[in-house]
Amino acid sequence: PQYAADFANASPFREHLREKNLLGLLPGYAHYLATGRTDRLEAGLEEAIAEWQRFGHMYTAAEPYTDRVFNLPFREVFNCYLGSYAARNIFPHDFAVSYEGLGKDFAALVGPSDEKSLKVTLFNFAETPLPGRMRVWRLEHGRYKVRMGPDANGDGVMDAVNHEEVMVLHRYSPIALNLPPRRETLIEAYQVEQLDDLLTRPDLAISPLDATRVVHSGWQYENLVTVRVHNIGARPAENIELAQIRNGEKIHTITLSRIEAPIDLRPRVAVAHFVNVQICDEIVVDPDDAIPEIAEHNNRLIVQASGMIRPKK
């Protein structure tokens, strides 16, 4: 039962069970993924509620174990929100989505979801619109038609398309949300074009963990920032621009000729220095996105008022 959702989300496995007339073997959430029926899923959620009402204190404040949290009775809740289940000794963390900024005033039902498509139904319990975003974790790199709209009767079919756009999505990509109050919103994403495998790209990265700022560096200059630029990808990166940006404008740039890929598991790093750095200046590697990378979120640092260097969100 712990891995049933992962199997049922794989369309070839679902078709195999359908051909063999074995869909009846699947438990709650996995049965919903394969058949569209919610009766077993609802029963599993009712059991989770009953377990929490009876033993909620035991699972939290009174929990006697310090090295684990027992959440198996709530497996179907995790499946509904995330598209998969994770716990102690459950190793494939095959989540379909995660959420940011939505708080606790929403419910979700994910699935089916595979490497080329995603379907999520969300309900906002609040009396006001709920802004936030949803990150995708299973979708392969490609262009996707993303549609959003209401599902008033809860039949899993969008009543009308309120928003539609083509987006480039891949693992960790965000989809912006603004859930209307007290209603169901259906989100669908279908691949229209497959793009290159991200894992064959370089990946430039800078981190506050090994960037330093010295306020008085000697008689030559003040506010010296030293940045170590990593390549943590699978291909070398060449002609790498590293820029100091102030108020949206480049005030100084450095070009790094080449950083090899760490395919032999040895770190590949280049060191650069910026002088007279002011508070709120940004240090950005590849600011014009000239180099296709595995990820772009690890390319920016900002100097804060405290003097500490933090990643730019």
Protein backbone atom coordinates (compact mmCIF):
# COMPACT_ATOMS: atom_id res chain seq x y z
CA PRO A 1 0.00 0.00 0.00
CA GLN A 2 2.84 2.45 0.70
CA TYR A 3 4.03 2.36 -2.92
CA ALA A 4 0.70 1.85 -4.67
CA ALA A 5 0.31 5.51 -5.63
CA ASP A 6 3.72 5.57 -7.35
CA PHE A 7 2.82 2.51 -9.42
CA ALA A 8 -0.67 3.75 -10.27
CA ASN A 9 0.71 7.11 -11.46
CA ALA A 10 2.74 5.26 -14.10
CA SER A 11 0.40 5.05 -17.09
CA PRO A 12 1.91 1.78 -18.49
CA PHE A 13 1.30 0.08 -15.14
CA ARG A 14 -2.29 1.34 -15.03
CA GLU A 15 -2.90 0.01 -18.53
CA HIS A 16 -1.37 -3.33 -17.57
CA LEU A 17 -3.72 -3.67 -14.59
CA ARG A 18 -6.67 -2.62 -16.74
CA GLU A 19 -5.86 -5.24 -19.39
CA LYS A 20 -5.53 -7.93 -16.71
CA ASN A 21 -8.71 -6.75 -14.96
CA LEU A 22 -6.76 -6.22 -11.73
CA LEU A 23 -7.68 -2.63 -10.88
CA GLY A 24 -9.72 -3.93 -7.95
CA LEU A 25 -6.49 -4.84 -6.14
CA LEU A 26 -5.51 -1.20 -5.68
CA PRO A 27 -6.18 0.56 -2.35
CA GLY A 28 -7.78 4.00 -1.84
CA TYR A 29 -5.82 6.73 -3.59
CA ALA A 30 -4.23 4.38 -6.13
CA HIS A 31 -7.69 3.02 -6.95
CA TYR A 32 -8.86 6.59 -7.59
CA LEU A 33 -5.93 7.23 -9.94
CA ALA A 34 -6.68 4.12 -11.97
CA THR A 35 -10.48 4.31 -12.05
CA GLY A 36 -11.52 7.87 -11.21
CA ARG A 37 -13.75 6.53 -8.43
CA THR A 38 -13.39 8.07 -4.98
CA ASP A 39 -15.24 5.58 -2.74
CA ARG A 40 -12.10 3.78 -1.48
CA LEU A 41 -10.22 7.05 -1.16
CA GLU A 42 -13.03 8.59 0.90
CA ALA A 43 -13.04 5.56 3.19
CA GLY A 44 -9.28 5.93 3.71
CA LEU A 45 -9.64 9.64 4.51
CA GLU A 46 -12.42 8.90 6.99
CA GLU A 47 -10.15 6.40 8.72
CA ALA A 48 -7.38 9.03 8.89
CA ILE A 49 -9.76 11.55 10.49
CA ALA A 50 -10.94 8.99 13.03
CA GLU A 51 -7.35 8.05 13.88
CA TRP A 52 -6.42 11.69 14.43
CA GLN A 53 -9.50 12.43 16.54
CA ARG A 54 -8.68 9.50 18.78
CA PHE A 55 -4.88 9.58 18.92
CA GLY A 56 -3.88 13.07 17.76
CA HIS A 57 -2.17 13.86 21.05
CA MET A 58 -0.24 10.59 20.87
CA TYR A 59 1.11 11.46 17.43
CA THR A 60 2.35 14.88 18.57
CA ALA A 61 3.06 16.04 22.13
CA ALA A 62 2.96 12.58 23.70
CA GLU A 63 5.00 10.84 20.98
CA PRO A 64 7.66 8.87 22.91
CA TYR A 65 10.07 8.43 19.98
CA THR A 66 12.73 10.97 19.10
CA ASP A 67 13.98 9.45 15.83
CA ARG A 68 10.75 9.04 13.86
CA VAL A 69 7.22 10.28 13.27
CA PHE A 70 4.56 7.67 12.62
CA ASN A 71 2.25 8.88 9.86
CA LEU A 72 1.19 5.67 8.13
CA PRO A 73 -2.50 6.08 9.12
CA PHE A 74 -2.50 9.41 7.26
CA ARG A 75 -1.04 8.01 4.04
CA GLU A 76 -4.08 8.98 1.96
CA VAL A 77 -3.88 12.60 3.14
CA PHE A 78 -0.29 12.85 1.90
CA ASN A 79 -1.27 11.18 -1.36
CA CYS A 80 -4.09 13.64 -1.98
CA TYR A 81 -1.99 16.75 -1.34
CA LEU A 82 1.32 15.65 -2.88
CA GLY A 83 0.55 12.78 -5.25
CA SER A 84 2.71 10.36 -3.27
CA TYR A 85 3.53 9.28 0.26
CA ALA A 86 6.76 9.60 2.22
CA ALA A 87 7.67 8.33 5.66
CA ARG A 88 10.38 6.50 7.54
CA ASN A 89 11.78 3.72 5.33
CA ILE A 90 9.75 4.91 2.32
CA PHE A 91 12.58 5.79 -0.02
CA PRO A 92 11.17 6.88 -3.43
CA HIS A 93 10.00 10.43 -2.66
CA ASP A 94 8.06 10.71 -5.88
CA PHE A 95 5.97 13.78 -5.13
CA ALA A 96 4.06 15.35 -8.00
CA VAL A 97 3.72 18.85 -6.52
CA SER A 98 4.49 21.00 -3.49
CA TYR A 99 3.01 24.32 -2.35
CA GLU A 100 4.27 27.69 -1.17
CA GLY A 101 2.34 30.56 0.38
CA LEU A 102 -1.06 28.87 0.60
CA GLY A 103 -1.01 28.21 4.33
CA LYS A 104 -3.51 25.71 5.74
CA ASP A 105 -6.78 27.01 4.25
CA PHE A 106 -6.84 24.74 1.22
CA ALA A 107 -7.39 21.13 0.23
CA ALA A 108 -5.87 19.34 -2.75
CA LEU A 109 -6.46 16.22 -4.81
CA VAL A 110 -3.54 15.41 -7.12
CA GLY A 111 -3.62 13.06 -10.02
CA PRO A 112 -3.26 11.36 -12.23
CA SER A 113 0.23 12.72 -12.76
CA ASP A 114 3.13 11.35 -14.77
CA GLU A 115 6.16 12.75 -16.61
CA LYS A 116 4.06 14.43 -19.32
CA SER A 117 0.82 15.52 -17.64
CA LEU A 118 -0.53 16.81 -14.35
CA LYS A 119 -4.00 17.28 -12.90
CA VAL A 120 -4.69 18.93 -9.54
CA THR A 121 -7.97 19.98 -7.93
CA LEU A 122 -7.69 22.65 -5.22
CA PHE A 123 -10.31 24.07 -2.83
CA ASN A 124 -9.89 27.37 -1.00
CA PHE A 125 -11.69 27.36 2.37
CA ALA A 126 -10.99 31.06 2.99
CA GLU A 127 -13.39 33.92 2.31
CA THR A 128 -10.81 35.77 0.22
CA PRO A 129 -8.62 34.78 -2.75
CA LEU A 130 -5.60 32.71 -1.80
CA PRO A 131 -2.35 33.59 -3.63
CA GLY A 132 0.64 31.27 -3.73
CA ARG A 133 2.38 28.89 -6.06
CA MET A 134 2.70 25.20 -6.81
CA ARG A 135 5.97 23.57 -7.83
CA VAL A 136 6.01 20.52 -10.11
CA TRP A 137 8.36 17.62 -9.44
CA ARG A 138 7.53 14.83 -11.93
CA LEU A 139 7.17 16.68 -15.23
CA GLU A 140 10.05 16.31 -17.66
CA HIS A 141 11.49 19.37 -19.36
CA GLY A 142 9.08 20.59 -22.01
CA ARG A 143 6.45 23.07 -23.09
CA TYR A 144 3.10 22.52 -21.44
CA LYS A 145 -0.37 23.89 -22.03
CA VAL A 146 -1.51 24.90 -18.55
CA ARG A 147 -5.23 25.51 -18.00
CA MET A 148 -7.09 26.64 -14.89
CA GLY A 149 -10.80 26.87 -14.27
CA PRO A 150 -13.69 26.03 -11.91
CA ASP A 151 -15.14 22.59 -11.28
CA ALA A 152 -18.39 23.45 -9.52
CA ASN A 153 -19.88 19.94 -9.38
CA GLY A 154 -16.64 18.15 -8.52
CA ASP A 155 -16.81 15.73 -11.45
CA GLY A 156 -13.17 16.29 -12.40
CA VAL A 157 -14.10 18.16 -15.59
CA MET A 158 -13.32 21.87 -15.96
CA ASP A 159 -16.53 23.88 -16.37
CA ALA A 160 -14.80 26.76 -18.16
CA VAL A 161 -11.22 27.82 -18.88
CA ASN A 162 -10.44 30.97 -16.89
CA HIS A 163 -6.73 30.99 -17.72
CA GLU A 164 -4.62 29.23 -20.33
CA GLU A 165 -0.98 29.63 -21.28
CA VAL A 166 1.95 27.63 -22.64
CA MET A 167 4.73 27.35 -20.07
CA VAL A 168 8.18 25.77 -20.02
CA LEU A 169 8.11 23.42 -17.04
CA HIS A 170 10.48 20.94 -15.47
CA ARG A 171 11.31 19.62 -12.03
CA TYR A 172 11.05 22.47 -9.44
CA SER A 173 9.26 24.88 -11.82
CA PRO A 174 6.60 27.06 -10.15
CA ILE A 175 3.05 27.66 -11.33
CA ALA A 176 1.51 30.82 -9.88
CA LEU A 177 -1.87 30.38 -8.16
CA ASN A 178 -4.60 32.72 -7.02
CA LEU A 179 -7.37 30.47 -5.76
CA PRO A 180 -10.86 32.02 -5.67
CA PRO A 181 -12.66 31.69 -2.32
CA ARG A 182 -14.95 28.82 -1.40
CA ARG A 183 -14.78 26.93 -4.66
CA GLU A 184 -12.91 24.18 -6.47
CA THR A 185 -10.24 25.10 -8.99
CA LEU A 186 -8.97 22.55 -11.48
CA ILE A 187 -5.44 22.83 -12.89
CA GLU A 188 -4.32 20.76 -15.86
CA ALA A 189 -0.95 20.65 -17.63
CA TYR A 190 -0.30 18.66 -20.79
CA GLN A 191 2.98 18.45 -22.67
CA VAL A 192 2.89 19.92 -26.17
CA GLU A 193 6.63 19.76 -26.88
CA GLN A 194 9.43 17.78 -25.29
CA LEU A 195 12.64 19.74 -24.71
CA ASP A 196 16.22 18.66 -23.99
CA ASP A 197 17.22 16.62 -20.96
CA LEU A 198 18.25 19.10 -18.25
CA LEU A 199 20.65 16.60 -16.73
CA THR A 200 23.00 16.95 -19.72
CA ARG A 201 23.56 20.67 -19.06
CA PRO A 202 26.09 22.59 -16.95
CA ASP A 203 24.84 24.13 -13.73
CA LEU A 204 26.53 27.26 -12.43
CA ALA A 205 25.98 27.95 -8.75
CA ILE A 206 27.01 30.48 -6.11
CA SER A 207 26.22 30.14 -2.44
CA PRO A 208 26.38 32.29 0.70
CA LEU A 209 28.11 29.34 2.38
CA ASP A 210 31.36 30.09 0.57
CA ALA A 211 30.99 33.77 -0.38
CA THR A 212 32.66 36.23 1.98
CA ARG A 213 32.53 39.99 2.59
CA VAL A 214 35.33 41.94 4.23
CA VAL A 215 34.39 45.53 5.13
CA HIS A 216 37.94 46.95 5.40
CA SER A 217 40.25 45.02 3.11
CA GLY A 218 43.25 47.31 3.24
CA TRP A 219 44.33 50.68 1.92
CA GLN A 220 43.36 49.82 -1.68
CA TYR A 221 39.60 49.29 -1.26
CA GLU A 222 36.72 48.58 1.09
CA ASN A 223 33.89 46.07 1.03
CA LEU A 224 35.59 43.20 -0.76
CA VAL A 225 33.26 40.35 -1.72
CA THR A 226 34.82 37.05 -2.75
CA VAL A 227 32.61 34.60 -4.63
CA ARG A 228 33.36 30.99 -5.51
CA VAL A 229 31.54 29.99 -8.70
CA HIS A 230 30.77 26.28 -8.93
CA ASN A 231 29.80 24.11 -11.86
CA ILE A 232 27.72 21.29 -10.41
CA GLY A 233 26.32 20.09 -13.73
CA ALA A 234 27.21 17.49 -16.34
CA ARG A 235 28.88 19.67 -19.01
CA PRO A 236 31.63 22.32 -18.98
CA ALA A 237 30.57 25.98 -18.98
CA GLU A 238 32.46 28.57 -21.04
CA ASN A 239 32.59 32.38 -21.29
CA ILE A 240 30.78 32.81 -17.99
CA GLU A 241 29.74 36.33 -17.09
CA LEU A 242 29.68 37.27 -13.41
CA ALA A 243 28.08 40.65 -12.71
CA GLN A 244 27.74 43.10 -9.85
CA ILE A 245 24.27 44.66 -10.18
CA ARG A 246 23.06 47.81 -8.45
CA ASN A 247 19.54 49.14 -8.88
CA GLY A 248 19.00 46.81 -11.81
CA GLU A 249 22.12 47.89 -13.72
CA LYS A 250 25.46 46.14 -14.19
CA ILE A 251 28.24 48.21 -12.67
CA HIS A 252 31.04 45.66 -12.99
CA THR A 253 31.45 42.34 -14.80
CA ILE A 254 34.01 39.56 -14.77
CA THR A 255 34.33 36.89 -17.46
CA LEU A 256 35.41 33.39 -16.46
CA SER A 257 36.80 31.46 -19.41
CA ARG A 258 35.74 27.92 -18.48
CA ILE A 259 34.69 25.75 -15.56
CA GLU A 260 34.81 22.01 -16.13
CA ALA A 261 32.06 19.64 -15.07
CA PRO A 262 32.62 17.56 -11.91
CA ILE A 263 31.98 14.26 -13.66
CA ASP A 264 34.89 12.70 -11.76
CA LEU A 265 33.24 13.84 -8.47
CA ARG A 266 35.94 16.46 -7.86
CA PRO A 267 34.59 20.01 -7.30
CA ARG A 268 35.12 22.50 -10.12
CA VAL A 269 35.32 26.08 -8.83
CA ALA A 270 36.48 29.50 -10.02
CA VAL A 271 37.10 32.41 -7.63
CA ALA A 272 36.18 36.03 -8.35
CA HIS A 273 36.49 39.27 -6.35
CA PHE A 274 34.33 42.40 -6.32
CA VAL A 275 35.39 45.62 -4.60
CA ASN A 276 33.39 48.52 -3.17
CA VAL A 277 30.26 46.44 -2.89
CA GLN A 278 27.31 48.26 -1.32
CA ILE A 279 24.34 47.01 0.67
CA CYS A 280 21.64 45.53 -1.62
CA ASP A 281 24.10 44.94 -4.46
CA GLU A 282 23.55 41.63 -6.21
CA ILE A 283 26.20 39.23 -7.47
CA VAL A 284 24.79 37.27 -10.39
CA VAL A 285 26.36 34.53 -12.47
CA ASP A 286 25.10 34.37 -16.07
CA PRO A 287 22.77 37.38 -15.61
CA ASP A 288 21.53 37.28 -19.22
CA ASP A 289 20.79 33.53 -19.16
CA ALA A 290 23.21 32.97 -22.01
CA ILE A 291 24.15 29.49 -20.74
CA PRO A 292 21.37 26.85 -20.56
CA GLU A 293 21.58 25.30 -17.08
CA ILE A 294 19.97 22.59 -15.00
CA ALA A 295 18.69 25.19 -12.53
CA GLU A 296 18.65 28.99 -12.39
CA HIS A 297 17.60 29.57 -8.77
CA ASN A 298 21.18 29.22 -7.47
CA ASN A 299 22.69 32.03 -9.57
CA ARG A 300 22.11 35.12 -7.38
CA LEU A 301 23.40 36.50 -4.09
CA ILE A 302 22.45 39.74 -2.37
CA VAL A 303 24.37 41.75 0.25
CA GLN A 304 21.97 42.53 3.09
CA ALA A 305 21.93 45.48 5.47
CA SER A 306 23.35 43.24 8.20
CA GLY A 307 26.38 42.77 5.98
CA MET A 308 25.59 39.09 5.47
CA ILE A 309 25.36 37.60 2.00
CA ARG A 310 22.14 35.75 1.24
CA PRO A 311 20.67 34.06 -1.84
CA LYS A 312 18.28 36.22 -3.85
CA LYS A 313 14.79 34.66 -3.81
